[in-house]
Amino acid sequence: KGYGRQQGHSELYRGAEYAVDFLPKIKIEVVVPADEVENVIEKIIENA
């Protein structure tokens, strides 16, 4: 969970408004040879 420029958001639950400061995210970790880094970055950007 985290936030950047989004700064979270507000939601309504049973008529009451509350702040959601941290948003659900997924962290992917991959270890690759140095010469494959640019391909990995490009694929992540293309698909995310």
ModelCIF file with pLDDT and N, C-alpha, C, O atoms, coordinates in Angstrom:
data_MODEL
#
_entry.id   MODEL 
#
_entity.id                         1 
_entity.type                       polymer 
_entity.pdbx_number_of_molecules   1 
#
_entity_poly.entity_id                      1 
_entity_poly.type                           'polypeptide(L)' 
_entity_poly.nstd_linkage                   no 
_entity_poly.nstd_monomer                   no 
_entity_poly.pdbx_seq_one_letter_code       KGYGRQQGHSELYRGAEYAVDFLPKIKIEVVVPADEVENVIEKIIENA 
_entity_poly.pdbx_seq_one_letter_code_can   KGYGRQQGHSELYRGAEYAVDFLPKIKIEVVVPADEVENVIEKIIENA 
_entity_poly.pdbx_strand_id                 A 
#
loop_
_entity_poly_seq.entity_id 
_entity_poly_seq.num 
_entity_poly_seq.mon_id 
_entity_poly_seq.hetero 
1 1  LYS n 
1 2  GLY n 
1 3  TYR n 
1 4  GLY n 
1 5  ARG n 
1 6  GLN n 
1 7  GLN n 
1 8  GLY n 
1 9  HIS n 
1 10 SER n 
1 11 GLU n 
1 12 LEU n 
1 13 TYR n 
1 14 ARG n 
1 15 GLY n 
1 16 ALA n 
1 17 GLU n 
1 18 TYR n 
1 19 ALA n 
1 20 VAL n 
1 21 ASP n 
1 22 PHE n 
1 23 LEU n 
1 24 PRO n 
1 25 LYS n 
1 26 ILE n 
1 27 LYS n 
1 28 ILE n 
1 29 GLU n 
1 30 VAL n 
1 31 VAL n 
1 32 VAL n 
1 33 PRO n 
1 34 ALA n 
1 35 ASP n 
1 36 GLU n 
1 37 VAL n 
1 38 GLU n 
1 39 ASN n 
1 40 VAL n 
1 41 ILE n 
1 42 GLU n 
1 43 LYS n 
1 44 ILE n 
1 45 ILE n 
1 46 GLU n 
1 47 ASN n 
1 48 ALA n 
#
_struct_asym.id          A 
_struct_asym.entity_id   1 
#
loop_
_ma_qa_metric.id 
_ma_qa_metric.mode 
_ma_qa_metric.name 
_ma_qa_metric.software_group_id 
_ma_qa_metric.type 
1 global pLDDT . pLDDT 
2 local  pLDDT . pLDDT 
#
_ma_qa_metric_global.metric_id      1 
_ma_qa_metric_global.metric_value   83.83 
_ma_qa_metric_global.model_id       1 
_ma_qa_metric_global.ordinal_id     1 
#
loop_
_ma_qa_metric_local.label_asym_id 
_ma_qa_metric_local.label_comp_id 
_ma_qa_metric_local.label_seq_id 
_ma_qa_metric_local.metric_id 
_ma_qa_metric_local.metric_value 
_ma_qa_metric_local.model_id 
_ma_qa_metric_local.ordinal_id 
A LYS 1  2 89.00 1 1  
A GLY 2  2 84.00 1 2  
A TYR 3  2 78.00 1 3  
A GLY 4  2 77.00 1 4  
A ARG 5  2 72.00 1 5  
A GLN 6  2 64.00 1 6  
A GLN 7  2 63.00 1 7  
A GLY 8  2 59.00 1 8  
A HIS 9  2 59.00 1 9  
A SER 10 2 63.00 1 10 
A GLU 11 2 61.00 1 11 
A LEU 12 2 65.00 1 12 
A TYR 13 2 65.00 1 13 
A ARG 14 2 71.00 1 14 
A GLY 15 2 72.00 1 15 
A ALA 16 2 72.00 1 16 
A GLU 17 2 68.00 1 17 
A TYR 18 2 64.00 1 18 
A ALA 19 2 69.00 1 19 
A VAL 20 2 68.00 1 20 
A ASP 21 2 73.00 1 21 
A PHE 22 2 80.00 1 22 
A LEU 23 2 85.00 1 23 
A PRO 24 2 90.00 1 24 
A LYS 25 2 94.00 1 25 
A ILE 26 2 97.00 1 26 
A LYS 27 2 98.00 1 27 
A ILE 28 2 98.00 1 28 
A GLU 29 2 98.00 1 29 
A VAL 30 2 97.00 1 30 
A VAL 31 2 95.00 1 31 
A VAL 32 2 95.00 1 32 
A PRO 33 2 93.00 1 33 
A ALA 34 2 94.00 1 34 
A ASP 35 2 94.00 1 35 
A GLU 36 2 95.00 1 36 
A VAL 37 2 96.00 1 37 
A GLU 38 2 97.00 1 38 
A ASN 39 2 96.00 1 39 
A VAL 40 2 97.00 1 40 
A ILE 41 2 98.00 1 41 
A GLU 42 2 97.00 1 42 
A LYS 43 2 97.00 1 43 
A ILE 44 2 98.00 1 44 
A ILE 45 2 98.00 1 45 
A GLU 46 2 97.00 1 46 
A ASN 47 2 97.00 1 47 
A ALA 48 2 97.00 1 48 
#
loop_
_atom_site.group_PDB 
_atom_site.id 
_atom_site.type_symbol 
_atom_site.label_atom_id 
_atom_site.label_alt_id 
_atom_site.label_comp_id 
_atom_site.label_asym_id 
_atom_site.label_entity_id 
_atom_site.label_seq_id 
_atom_site.pdbx_PDB_ins_code 
_atom_site.Cartn_x 
_atom_site.Cartn_y 
_atom_site.Cartn_z 
_atom_site.occupancy 
_atom_site.B_iso_or_equiv 
_atom_site.pdbx_formal_charge 
_atom_site.auth_seq_id 
_atom_site.auth_comp_id 
_atom_site.auth_asym_id 
_atom_site.auth_atom_id 
_atom_site.pdbx_PDB_model_num 
ATOM 1   N N  . LYS A 1 1  ? 0.861   -1.182  0.000   1.00 89.00 ? 1  LYS A N  1 
ATOM 2   C CA . LYS A 1 1  ? 0.000   0.000   0.000   1.00 89.00 ? 1  LYS A CA 1 
ATOM 3   C C  . LYS A 1 1  ? 0.889   1.221   0.000   1.00 89.00 ? 1  LYS A C  1 
ATOM 4   O O  . LYS A 1 1  ? 1.973   1.211   0.585   1.00 89.00 ? 1  LYS A O  1 
ATOM 5   N N  . GLY A 1 2  ? 0.432   2.273   -0.656  1.00 84.00 ? 2  GLY A N  1 
ATOM 6   C CA . GLY A 1 2  ? 1.215   3.488   -0.687  1.00 84.00 ? 2  GLY A CA 1 
ATOM 7   C C  . GLY A 1 2  ? 0.503   4.579   -1.458  1.00 84.00 ? 2  GLY A C  1 
ATOM 8   O O  . GLY A 1 2  ? -0.616  4.405   -1.941  1.00 84.00 ? 2  GLY A O  1 
ATOM 9   N N  . TYR A 1 3  ? 1.185   5.709   -1.561  1.00 78.00 ? 3  TYR A N  1 
ATOM 10  C CA . TYR A 1 3  ? 0.662   6.797   -2.371  1.00 78.00 ? 3  TYR A CA 1 
ATOM 11  C C  . TYR A 1 3  ? 1.806   7.684   -2.810  1.00 78.00 ? 3  TYR A C  1 
ATOM 12  O O  . TYR A 1 3  ? 2.859   7.731   -2.175  1.00 78.00 ? 3  TYR A O  1 
ATOM 13  N N  . GLY A 1 4  ? 1.586   8.378   -3.891  1.00 77.00 ? 4  GLY A N  1 
ATOM 14  C CA . GLY A 1 4  ? 2.544   9.343   -4.404  1.00 77.00 ? 4  GLY A CA 1 
ATOM 15  C C  . GLY A 1 4  ? 1.804   10.642  -4.592  1.00 77.00 ? 4  GLY A C  1 
ATOM 16  O O  . GLY A 1 4  ? 1.305   11.230  -3.633  1.00 77.00 ? 4  GLY A O  1 
ATOM 17  N N  . ARG A 1 5  ? 1.734   11.085  -5.818  1.00 72.00 ? 5  ARG A N  1 
ATOM 18  C CA . ARG A 1 5  ? 1.012   12.330  -6.111  1.00 72.00 ? 5  ARG A CA 1 
ATOM 19  C C  . ARG A 1 5  ? -0.487  12.197  -5.919  1.00 72.00 ? 5  ARG A C  1 
ATOM 20  O O  . ARG A 1 5  ? -1.190  13.195  -5.768  1.00 72.00 ? 5  ARG A O  1 
ATOM 21  N N  . GLN A 1 6  ? -0.975  10.965  -5.924  1.00 64.00 ? 6  GLN A N  1 
ATOM 22  C CA . GLN A 1 6  ? -2.408  10.752  -5.750  1.00 64.00 ? 6  GLN A CA 1 
ATOM 23  C C  . GLN A 1 6  ? -2.890  11.252  -4.389  1.00 64.00 ? 6  GLN A C  1 
ATOM 24  O O  . GLN A 1 6  ? -4.006  11.759  -4.271  1.00 64.00 ? 6  GLN A O  1 
ATOM 25  N N  . GLN A 1 7  ? -2.064  11.111  -3.381  1.00 63.00 ? 7  GLN A N  1 
ATOM 26  C CA . GLN A 1 7  ? -2.404  11.520  -2.016  1.00 63.00 ? 7  GLN A CA 1 
ATOM 27  C C  . GLN A 1 7  ? -3.661  10.838  -1.493  1.00 63.00 ? 7  GLN A C  1 
ATOM 28  O O  . GLN A 1 7  ? -4.362  11.400  -0.651  1.00 63.00 ? 7  GLN A O  1 
ATOM 29  N N  . GLY A 1 8  ? -3.951  9.659   -1.970  1.00 59.00 ? 8  GLY A N  1 
ATOM 30  C CA . GLY A 1 8  ? -5.128  8.925   -1.509  1.00 59.00 ? 8  GLY A CA 1 
ATOM 31  C C  . GLY A 1 8  ? -6.396  9.527   -2.074  1.00 59.00 ? 8  GLY A C  1 
ATOM 32  O O  . GLY A 1 8  ? -6.355  10.320  -3.015  1.00 59.00 ? 8  GLY A O  1 
ATOM 33  N N  . HIS A 1 9  ? -7.521  9.148   -1.498  1.00 59.00 ? 9  HIS A N  1 
ATOM 34  C CA . HIS A 1 9  ? -8.809  9.682   -1.934  1.00 59.00 ? 9  HIS A CA 1 
ATOM 35  C C  . HIS A 1 9  ? -9.840  9.472   -0.838  1.00 59.00 ? 9  HIS A C  1 
ATOM 36  O O  . HIS A 1 9  ? -9.559  8.821   0.168   1.00 59.00 ? 9  HIS A O  1 
ATOM 37  N N  . SER A 1 10 ? -11.046 10.028  -1.034  1.00 63.00 ? 10 SER A N  1 
ATOM 38  C CA . SER A 1 10 ? -12.131 9.862   -0.066  1.00 63.00 ? 10 SER A CA 1 
ATOM 39  C C  . SER A 1 10 ? -13.131 8.851   -0.589  1.00 63.00 ? 10 SER A C  1 
ATOM 40  O O  . SER A 1 10 ? -13.365 8.757   -1.794  1.00 63.00 ? 10 SER A O  1 
ATOM 41  N N  . GLU A 1 11 ? -13.718 8.094   0.329   1.00 61.00 ? 11 GLU A N  1 
ATOM 42  C CA . GLU A 1 11 ? -14.756 7.145   -0.034  1.00 61.00 ? 11 GLU A CA 1 
ATOM 43  C C  . GLU A 1 11 ? -15.918 7.278   0.940   1.00 61.00 ? 11 GLU A C  1 
ATOM 44  O O  . GLU A 1 11 ? -15.771 7.785   2.052   1.00 61.00 ? 11 GLU A O  1 
ATOM 45  N N  . LEU A 1 12 ? -17.069 6.811   0.492   1.00 65.00 ? 12 LEU A N  1 
ATOM 46  C CA . LEU A 1 12 ? -18.247 6.790   1.357   1.00 65.00 ? 12 LEU A CA 1 
ATOM 47  C C  . LEU A 1 12 ? -18.499 5.373   1.827   1.00 65.00 ? 12 LEU A C  1 
ATOM 48  O O  . LEU A 1 12 ? -18.447 4.433   1.034   1.00 65.00 ? 12 LEU A O  1 
ATOM 49  N N  . TYR A 1 13 ? -18.770 5.218   3.110   1.00 65.00 ? 13 TYR A N  1 
ATOM 50  C CA . TYR A 1 13 ? -19.126 3.921   3.660   1.00 65.00 ? 13 TYR A CA 1 
ATOM 51  C C  . TYR A 1 13 ? -20.282 4.117   4.622   1.00 65.00 ? 13 TYR A C  1 
ATOM 52  O O  . TYR A 1 13 ? -20.138 4.781   5.649   1.00 65.00 ? 13 TYR A O  1 
ATOM 53  N N  . ARG A 1 14 ? -21.432 3.539   4.292   1.00 71.00 ? 14 ARG A N  1 
ATOM 54  C CA . ARG A 1 14 ? -22.650 3.683   5.092   1.00 71.00 ? 14 ARG A CA 1 
ATOM 55  C C  . ARG A 1 14 ? -22.959 5.149   5.393   1.00 71.00 ? 14 ARG A C  1 
ATOM 56  O O  . ARG A 1 14 ? -23.332 5.518   6.507   1.00 71.00 ? 14 ARG A O  1 
ATOM 57  N N  . GLY A 1 15 ? -22.791 5.961   4.362   1.00 72.00 ? 15 GLY A N  1 
ATOM 58  C CA . GLY A 1 15 ? -23.133 7.371   4.488   1.00 72.00 ? 15 GLY A CA 1 
ATOM 59  C C  . GLY A 1 15 ? -22.061 8.247   5.096   1.00 72.00 ? 15 GLY A C  1 
ATOM 60  O O  . GLY A 1 15 ? -22.197 9.471   5.098   1.00 72.00 ? 15 GLY A O  1 
ATOM 61  N N  . ALA A 1 16 ? -21.003 7.657   5.609   1.00 72.00 ? 16 ALA A N  1 
ATOM 62  C CA . ALA A 1 16 ? -19.935 8.453   6.217   1.00 72.00 ? 16 ALA A CA 1 
ATOM 63  C C  . ALA A 1 16 ? -18.743 8.516   5.261   1.00 72.00 ? 16 ALA A C  1 
ATOM 64  O O  . ALA A 1 16 ? -18.358 7.513   4.660   1.00 72.00 ? 16 ALA A O  1 
ATOM 65  N N  . GLU A 1 17 ? -18.172 9.704   5.132   1.00 68.00 ? 17 GLU A N  1 
ATOM 66  C CA . GLU A 1 17 ? -17.006 9.867   4.268   1.00 68.00 ? 17 GLU A CA 1 
ATOM 67  C C  . GLU A 1 17 ? -15.746 9.642   5.094   1.00 68.00 ? 17 GLU A C  1 
ATOM 68  O O  . GLU A 1 17 ? -15.628 10.127  6.219   1.00 68.00 ? 17 GLU A O  1 
ATOM 69  N N  . TYR A 1 18 ? -14.812 8.900   4.519   1.00 64.00 ? 18 TYR A N  1 
ATOM 70  C CA . TYR A 1 18 ? -13.542 8.691   5.207   1.00 64.00 ? 18 TYR A CA 1 
ATOM 71  C C  . TYR A 1 18 ? -12.407 8.726   4.186   1.00 64.00 ? 18 TYR A C  1 
ATOM 72  O O  . TYR A 1 18 ? -12.615 8.467   3.000   1.00 64.00 ? 18 TYR A O  1 
ATOM 73  N N  . ALA A 1 19 ? -11.221 9.045   4.656   1.00 69.00 ? 19 ALA A N  1 
ATOM 74  C CA . ALA A 1 19 ? -10.060 9.180   3.775   1.00 69.00 ? 19 ALA A CA 1 
ATOM 75  C C  . ALA A 1 19 ? -9.338  7.851   3.640   1.00 69.00 ? 19 ALA A C  1 
ATOM 76  O O  . ALA A 1 19 ? -9.137  7.143   4.627   1.00 69.00 ? 19 ALA A O  1 
ATOM 77  N N  . VAL A 1 20 ? -8.948  7.514   2.420   1.00 68.00 ? 20 VAL A N  1 
ATOM 78  C CA . VAL A 1 20 ? -8.115  6.352   2.150   1.00 68.00 ? 20 VAL A CA 1 
ATOM 79  C C  . VAL A 1 20 ? -6.738  6.913   1.798   1.00 68.00 ? 20 VAL A C  1 
ATOM 80  O O  . VAL A 1 20 ? -6.500  7.345   0.671   1.00 68.00 ? 20 VAL A O  1 
ATOM 81  N N  . ASP A 1 21 ? -5.836  6.899   2.782   1.00 73.00 ? 21 ASP A N  1 
ATOM 82  C CA . ASP A 1 21 ? -4.528  7.505   2.587   1.00 73.00 ? 21 ASP A CA 1 
ATOM 83  C C  . ASP A 1 21 ? -3.598  6.625   1.755   1.00 73.00 ? 21 ASP A C  1 
ATOM 84  O O  . ASP A 1 21 ? -2.841  7.131   0.926   1.00 73.00 ? 21 ASP A O  1 
ATOM 85  N N  . PHE A 1 22 ? -3.649  5.326   1.969   1.00 80.00 ? 22 PHE A N  1 
ATOM 86  C CA . PHE A 1 22 ? -2.764  4.411   1.267   1.00 80.00 ? 22 PHE A CA 1 
ATOM 87  C C  . PHE A 1 22 ? -3.578  3.566   0.304   1.00 80.00 ? 22 PHE A C  1 
ATOM 88  O O  . PHE A 1 22 ? -4.568  2.942   0.684   1.00 80.00 ? 22 PHE A O  1 
ATOM 89  N N  . LEU A 1 23 ? -3.146  3.558   -0.943  1.00 85.00 ? 23 LEU A N  1 
ATOM 90  C CA . LEU A 1 23 ? -3.864  2.831   -1.983  1.00 85.00 ? 23 LEU A CA 1 
ATOM 91  C C  . LEU A 1 23 ? -3.204  1.482   -2.234  1.00 85.00 ? 23 LEU A C  1 
ATOM 92  O O  . LEU A 1 23 ? -1.984  1.363   -2.124  1.00 85.00 ? 23 LEU A O  1 
ATOM 93  N N  . PRO A 1 24 ? -3.998  0.457   -2.572  1.00 90.00 ? 24 PRO A N  1 
ATOM 94  C CA . PRO A 1 24 ? -3.416  -0.862  -2.841  1.00 90.00 ? 24 PRO A CA 1 
ATOM 95  C C  . PRO A 1 24 ? -2.577  -0.831  -4.117  1.00 90.00 ? 24 PRO A C  1 
ATOM 96  O O  . PRO A 1 24 ? -2.998  -0.290  -5.139  1.00 90.00 ? 24 PRO A O  1 
ATOM 97  N N  . LYS A 1 25 ? -1.399  -1.413  -4.041  1.00 94.00 ? 25 LYS A N  1 
ATOM 98  C CA . LYS A 1 25 ? -0.482  -1.508  -5.171  1.00 94.00 ? 25 LYS A CA 1 
ATOM 99  C C  . LYS A 1 25 ? 0.140   -2.899  -5.170  1.00 94.00 ? 25 LYS A C  1 
ATOM 100 O O  . LYS A 1 25 ? -0.015  -3.660  -4.215  1.00 94.00 ? 25 LYS A O  1 
ATOM 101 N N  . ILE A 1 26 ? 0.837   -3.216  -6.240  1.00 97.00 ? 26 ILE A N  1 
ATOM 102 C CA . ILE A 1 26 ? 1.589   -4.465  -6.349  1.00 97.00 ? 26 ILE A CA 1 
ATOM 103 C C  . ILE A 1 26 ? 3.048   -4.103  -6.591  1.00 97.00 ? 26 ILE A C  1 
ATOM 104 O O  . ILE A 1 26 ? 3.355   -3.250  -7.424  1.00 97.00 ? 26 ILE A O  1 
ATOM 105 N N  . LYS A 1 27 ? 3.939   -4.752  -5.859  1.00 98.00 ? 27 LYS A N  1 
ATOM 106 C CA . LYS A 1 27 ? 5.377   -4.546  -6.095  1.00 98.00 ? 27 LYS A CA 1 
ATOM 107 C C  . LYS A 1 27 ? 5.939   -5.816  -6.710  1.00 98.00 ? 27 LYS A C  1 
ATOM 108 O O  . LYS A 1 27 ? 5.801   -6.910  -6.162  1.00 98.00 ? 27 LYS A O  1 
ATOM 109 N N  . ILE A 1 28 ? 6.573   -5.645  -7.858  1.00 98.00 ? 28 ILE A N  1 
ATOM 110 C CA . ILE A 1 28 ? 7.214   -6.752  -8.568  1.00 98.00 ? 28 ILE A CA 1 
ATOM 111 C C  . ILE A 1 28 ? 8.724   -6.550  -8.448  1.00 98.00 ? 28 ILE A C  1 
ATOM 112 O O  . ILE A 1 28 ? 9.233   -5.454  -8.677  1.00 98.00 ? 28 ILE A O  1 
ATOM 113 N N  . GLU A 1 29 ? 9.429   -7.618  -8.088  1.00 98.00 ? 29 GLU A N  1 
ATOM 114 C CA . GLU A 1 29 ? 10.888  -7.567  -8.013  1.00 98.00 ? 29 GLU A CA 1 
ATOM 115 C C  . GLU A 1 29 ? 11.469  -8.624  -8.934  1.00 98.00 ? 29 GLU A C  1 
ATOM 116 O O  . GLU A 1 29 ? 11.070  -9.788  -8.889  1.00 98.00 ? 29 GLU A O  1 
ATOM 117 N N  . VAL A 1 30 ? 12.420  -8.211  -9.774  1.00 97.00 ? 30 VAL A N  1 
ATOM 118 C CA . VAL A 1 30 ? 13.065  -9.111  -10.716 1.00 97.00 ? 30 VAL A CA 1 
ATOM 119 C C  . VAL A 1 30 ? 14.562  -8.816  -10.694 1.00 97.00 ? 30 VAL A C  1 
ATOM 120 O O  . VAL A 1 30 ? 14.967  -7.655  -10.749 1.00 97.00 ? 30 VAL A O  1 
ATOM 121 N N  . VAL A 1 31 ? 15.389  -9.865  -10.614 1.00 95.00 ? 31 VAL A N  1 
ATOM 122 C CA . VAL A 1 31 ? 16.840  -9.700  -10.704 1.00 95.00 ? 31 VAL A CA 1 
ATOM 123 C C  . VAL A 1 31 ? 17.275  -10.221 -12.066 1.00 95.00 ? 31 VAL A C  1 
ATOM 124 O O  . VAL A 1 31 ? 16.995  -11.361 -12.436 1.00 95.00 ? 31 VAL A O  1 
ATOM 125 N N  . VAL A 1 32 ? 17.973  -9.352  -12.807 1.00 95.00 ? 32 VAL A N  1 
ATOM 126 C CA . VAL A 1 32 ? 18.367  -9.687  -14.178 1.00 95.00 ? 32 VAL A CA 1 
ATOM 127 C C  . VAL A 1 32 ? 19.808  -9.253  -14.434 1.00 95.00 ? 32 VAL A C  1 
ATOM 128 O O  . VAL A 1 32 ? 20.339  -8.403  -13.718 1.00 95.00 ? 32 VAL A O  1 
ATOM 129 N N  . PRO A 1 33 ? 20.444  -9.835  -15.455 1.00 93.00 ? 33 PRO A N  1 
ATOM 130 C CA . PRO A 1 33 ? 21.762  -9.334  -15.860 1.00 93.00 ? 33 PRO A CA 1 
ATOM 131 C C  . PRO A 1 33 ? 21.643  -7.873  -16.296 1.00 93.00 ? 33 PRO A C  1 
ATOM 132 O O  . PRO A 1 33 ? 20.599  -7.460  -16.801 1.00 93.00 ? 33 PRO A O  1 
ATOM 133 N N  . ALA A 1 34 ? 22.686  -7.106  -16.107 1.00 94.00 ? 34 ALA A N  1 
ATOM 134 C CA . ALA A 1 34 ? 22.656  -5.666  -16.398 1.00 94.00 ? 34 ALA A CA 1 
ATOM 135 C C  . ALA A 1 34 ? 22.243  -5.353  -17.831 1.00 94.00 ? 34 ALA A C  1 
ATOM 136 O O  . ALA A 1 34 ? 21.595  -4.336  -18.077 1.00 94.00 ? 34 ALA A O  1 
ATOM 137 N N  . ASP A 1 35 ? 22.608  -6.209  -18.776 1.00 94.00 ? 35 ASP A N  1 
ATOM 138 C CA . ASP A 1 35 ? 22.280  -5.933  -20.175 1.00 94.00 ? 35 ASP A CA 1 
ATOM 139 C C  . ASP A 1 35 ? 20.804  -6.153  -20.513 1.00 94.00 ? 35 ASP A C  1 
ATOM 140 O O  . ASP A 1 35 ? 20.374  -5.808  -21.613 1.00 94.00 ? 35 ASP A O  1 
ATOM 141 N N  . GLU A 1 36 ? 20.022  -6.718  -19.595 1.00 95.00 ? 36 GLU A N  1 
ATOM 142 C CA . GLU A 1 36 ? 18.595  -6.934  -19.839 1.00 95.00 ? 36 GLU A CA 1 
ATOM 143 C C  . GLU A 1 36 ? 17.708  -5.884  -19.188 1.00 95.00 ? 36 GLU A C  1 
ATOM 144 O O  . GLU A 1 36 ? 16.493  -5.891  -19.389 1.00 95.00 ? 36 GLU A O  1 
ATOM 145 N N  . VAL A 1 37 ? 18.299  -4.980  -18.408 1.00 96.00 ? 37 VAL A N  1 
ATOM 146 C CA . VAL A 1 37 ? 17.514  -4.020  -17.623 1.00 96.00 ? 37 VAL A CA 1 
ATOM 147 C C  . VAL A 1 37 ? 16.616  -3.155  -18.500 1.00 96.00 ? 37 VAL A C  1 
ATOM 148 O O  . VAL A 1 37 ? 15.435  -2.992  -18.191 1.00 96.00 ? 37 VAL A O  1 
ATOM 149 N N  . GLU A 1 38 ? 17.141  -2.604  -19.574 1.00 97.00 ? 38 GLU A N  1 
ATOM 150 C CA . GLU A 1 38 ? 16.333  -1.713  -20.422 1.00 97.00 ? 38 GLU A CA 1 
ATOM 151 C C  . GLU A 1 38 ? 15.142  -2.438  -21.032 1.00 97.00 ? 38 GLU A C  1 
ATOM 152 O O  . GLU A 1 38 ? 14.054  -1.870  -21.118 1.00 97.00 ? 38 GLU A O  1 
ATOM 153 N N  . ASN A 1 39 ? 15.333  -3.697  -21.462 1.00 96.00 ? 39 ASN A N  1 
ATOM 154 C CA . ASN A 1 39 ? 14.209  -4.483  -22.009 1.00 96.00 ? 39 ASN A CA 1 
ATOM 155 C C  . ASN A 1 39 ? 13.136  -4.706  -20.954 1.00 96.00 ? 39 ASN A C  1 
ATOM 156 O O  . ASN A 1 39 ? 11.942  -4.614  -21.239 1.00 96.00 ? 39 ASN A O  1 
ATOM 157 N N  . VAL A 1 40 ? 13.572  -5.001  -19.733 1.00 97.00 ? 40 VAL A N  1 
ATOM 158 C CA . VAL A 1 40 ? 12.628  -5.236  -18.636 1.00 97.00 ? 40 VAL A CA 1 
ATOM 159 C C  . VAL A 1 40 ? 11.843  -3.964  -18.346 1.00 97.00 ? 40 VAL A C  1 
ATOM 160 O O  . VAL A 1 40 ? 10.622  -4.009  -18.196 1.00 97.00 ? 40 VAL A O  1 
ATOM 161 N N  . ILE A 1 41 ? 12.530  -2.838  -18.267 1.00 98.00 ? 41 ILE A N  1 
ATOM 162 C CA . ILE A 1 41 ? 11.856  -1.562  -17.999 1.00 98.00 ? 41 ILE A CA 1 
ATOM 163 C C  . ILE A 1 41 ? 10.846  -1.254  -19.097 1.00 98.00 ? 41 ILE A C  1 
ATOM 164 O O  . ILE A 1 41 ? 9.711   -0.876  -18.805 1.00 98.00 ? 41 ILE A O  1 
ATOM 165 N N  . GLU A 1 42 ? 11.243  -1.410  -20.347 1.00 97.00 ? 42 GLU A N  1 
ATOM 166 C CA . GLU A 1 42 ? 10.332  -1.140  -21.464 1.00 97.00 ? 42 GLU A CA 1 
ATOM 167 C C  . GLU A 1 42 ? 9.086   -2.015  -21.403 1.00 97.00 ? 42 GLU A C  1 
ATOM 168 O O  . GLU A 1 42 ? 7.978   -1.531  -21.633 1.00 97.00 ? 42 GLU A O  1 
ATOM 169 N N  . LYS A 1 43 ? 9.260   -3.309  -21.092 1.00 97.00 ? 43 LYS A N  1 
ATOM 170 C CA . LYS A 1 43 ? 8.112   -4.222  -21.015 1.00 97.00 ? 43 LYS A CA 1 
ATOM 171 C C  . LYS A 1 43 ? 7.178   -3.849  -19.868 1.00 97.00 ? 43 LYS A C  1 
ATOM 172 O O  . LYS A 1 43 ? 5.957   -3.908  -20.010 1.00 97.00 ? 43 LYS A O  1 
ATOM 173 N N  . ILE A 1 44 ? 7.753   -3.470  -18.744 1.00 98.00 ? 44 ILE A N  1 
ATOM 174 C CA . ILE A 1 44 ? 6.912   -3.077  -17.611 1.00 98.00 ? 44 ILE A CA 1 
ATOM 175 C C  . ILE A 1 44 ? 6.105   -1.834  -17.973 1.00 98.00 ? 44 ILE A C  1 
ATOM 176 O O  . ILE A 1 44 ? 4.896   -1.786  -17.747 1.00 98.00 ? 44 ILE A O  1 
ATOM 177 N N  . ILE A 1 45 ? 6.771   -0.836  -18.531 1.00 98.00 ? 45 ILE A N  1 
ATOM 178 C CA . ILE A 1 45 ? 6.066   0.392   -18.920 1.00 98.00 ? 45 ILE A CA 1 
ATOM 179 C C  . ILE A 1 45 ? 4.974   0.083   -19.942 1.00 98.00 ? 45 ILE A C  1 
ATOM 180 O O  . ILE A 1 45 ? 3.844   0.552   -19.811 1.00 98.00 ? 45 ILE A O  1 
ATOM 181 N N  . GLU A 1 46 ? 5.313   -0.698  -20.948 1.00 97.00 ? 46 GLU A N  1 
ATOM 182 C CA . GLU A 1 46 ? 4.356   -1.049  -22.009 1.00 97.00 ? 46 GLU A CA 1 
ATOM 183 C C  . GLU A 1 46 ? 3.109   -1.719  -21.448 1.00 97.00 ? 46 GLU A C  1 
ATOM 184 O O  . GLU A 1 46 ? 1.999   -1.462  -21.916 1.00 97.00 ? 46 GLU A O  1 
ATOM 185 N N  . ASN A 1 47 ? 3.288   -2.578  -20.442 1.00 97.00 ? 47 ASN A N  1 
ATOM 186 C CA . ASN A 1 47 ? 2.164   -3.360  -19.940 1.00 97.00 ? 47 ASN A CA 1 
ATOM 187 C C  . ASN A 1 47 ? 1.489   -2.779  -18.695 1.00 97.00 ? 47 ASN A C  1 
ATOM 188 O O  . ASN A 1 47 ? 0.386   -3.202  -18.349 1.00 97.00 ? 47 ASN A O  1 
ATOM 189 N N  . ALA A 1 48 ? 2.121   -1.826  -18.020 1.00 97.00 ? 48 ALA A N  1 
ATOM 190 C CA . ALA A 1 48 ? 1.533   -1.275  -16.795 1.00 97.00 ? 48 ALA A CA 1 
ATOM 191 C C  . ALA A 1 48 ? 0.927   0.104   -16.998 1.00 97.00 ? 48 ALA A C  1 
ATOM 192 O O  . ALA A 1 48 ? 0.397   0.691   -16.055 1.00 97.00 ? 48 ALA A O  1 
#
